[in-house]
Structure formats: C-alpha cells, structure tokens
Amino acid sequence: MFDSHAHLDMSEFDEDRGSVIERARAAGVDRVLTVGIDLQSSLAALTLAKQYRGLYAAAGCHPHNSSNFTSADVDGLADIAADAQVVAWGEIGLDFYRNNSPRDDQQKAFRLQLERARELGLPVVIHDREAHSEVLNAVQFMGKKDRSGVIHCFSGNLTLAREFIKLGYSISIPGTVTFSKADTIRETATGLPLEAMLVETDAPFLAPVPRRGRRNEPAFVSYTVEAIARLKKMEPEDVSRITAGNACELFGIAAE
C-alpha cells in the first residue's frame, strides 16, 4: 500500500515516530508521502524522507499559512523541492471553511505555487475545502497536463471529481469513506475508475472507523483500502496494488 498523504513531521508523532513507521511497514504500507505545509514543515518532511526508507516528501505552503506569502517563499520551497526525495509540490490550495488566511492571500499563494510547480515539472498536492469552484477554475487556467497532481482528501461529488480527472488529476480517497454519514465520498469512490484513485490517511487527522477519535497513522490506510474494495466488490489486494501503482506513476517513483 501507498499512503499518499500524511504529515509525519507533526508534533503528534514526536514520541513514537519510528514505531509509527514500523507499524506501517508491518501493515503492508511500504511507501508514504509526508507532506509539508510551510517552509519549516517542508524541510522537516524532506529530512524524514532521507532518514526512512519508503518515505517521500512534498514541499509547499498550505492555505492556512498563506498570509503574506511572497515570491521569496516560493524560491525557498523550490530550493527544498530540488532534492530528489521531493516528488511533489504541496500541500497547496484553498480553504474557505476555516479562512485561517485571507482569501486573497490564499489565492495568490495558490497561483504562485501552481506556476512554480509547473515550471519544475512537479505534480501538485491540492487542498480544497469549501472552495470547489475556485480550485477548479485555478487548475483549468493552468490547463491539462499528464501527472498534474492529486486532489487530496477529496470532499466533492462524483461530477466534480470527473472534471478534475479530465485535467490530469488523481482523486485521493481518505478515511472519511468509512464514516457512517459520508455518502457522497462513497458514491465518488464507487463511481470513479480505480485507475484514477489514490488512498491516504492525512495522518494525524481523520482516523477511519474503527479507529475514529484516535490519532491517525499510515498503517490505518488499510481500512480505507478495505472500504473501497467492498464498494467496488474487489479484493483489497487488488485495490492496494492498483492505487499504489497510481501513486508511483503520479510521483515518478519506480515501482518495485
């Protein structure tokens, strides 16, 4: 399995990070993308990717942290992204639910990072919360591209997912697919071709049932794989293999 989105640099893992990674491997999760949310976090993600086999990093500025974001910040992230262990630019995007940064600042940071990622040939990891039309408009402006990126922790409907797929984006299914009231994401997971999907934990957030309410960790991506397998009437091993292959192809990682 490939957990395509986690935040292993966060303080929630400071006490047992090594054990978390060992549990992931024991559960069959042999690759994890650990994702930065600002300059410091992106550098920490890269440090972890260099320290642990099977970890890869993404560098970017989360919309929550986009206040007063400048071209100098983009340059700093680009310096980090130059390392071979950085396989994507992210986490970037728009969050109009919490609005932790002004919307104008979010949109400026998003645009600058989309442009630089395109220049560097890196796929992007996009956060979209309550900003579906604005995110779609931004990526439509950038145009279609092979390996455009992934809409992480997808929260839209099947119609929206298909629009992103047309532009070269993958759709990442999180542990919310196991939640009792999450009918929309289950409809999306059921209706999309598996070849367009990734799976993720977003650890330490959004632990799936039956771990809901606890700290999430990469090993728990197996519950998401099992839920998708039930929806699609497939074997979990096939869902694991295909989604892991999708992630390797998107991030330019050689499959073993």
Foldseek 3Di string as FASTA:
>chain_A
DEAEEAALLDPVCVVPSVVLVVLQVVLVHQAYEHEAAFLVSQVSQCVVLVVDHRYAYAAEHELLRQAPPDVVRVVSSVVSCVDPSHLAHDDAEDAPPVCNDPRVSNLVRRLSSLVVCVVVVHAYEYEDHPCLVVRLVSLVVVAADALNHEDECDDDAQVSQVSVVVRHYAYEHELCLQPPPSVRSLNNLLPDDLLRYAYHHHFQPDQHPPQPPHGDGNSSSLVVLVSSCVSNVHDSVVSVVNNVVSSCVSRVHDDD
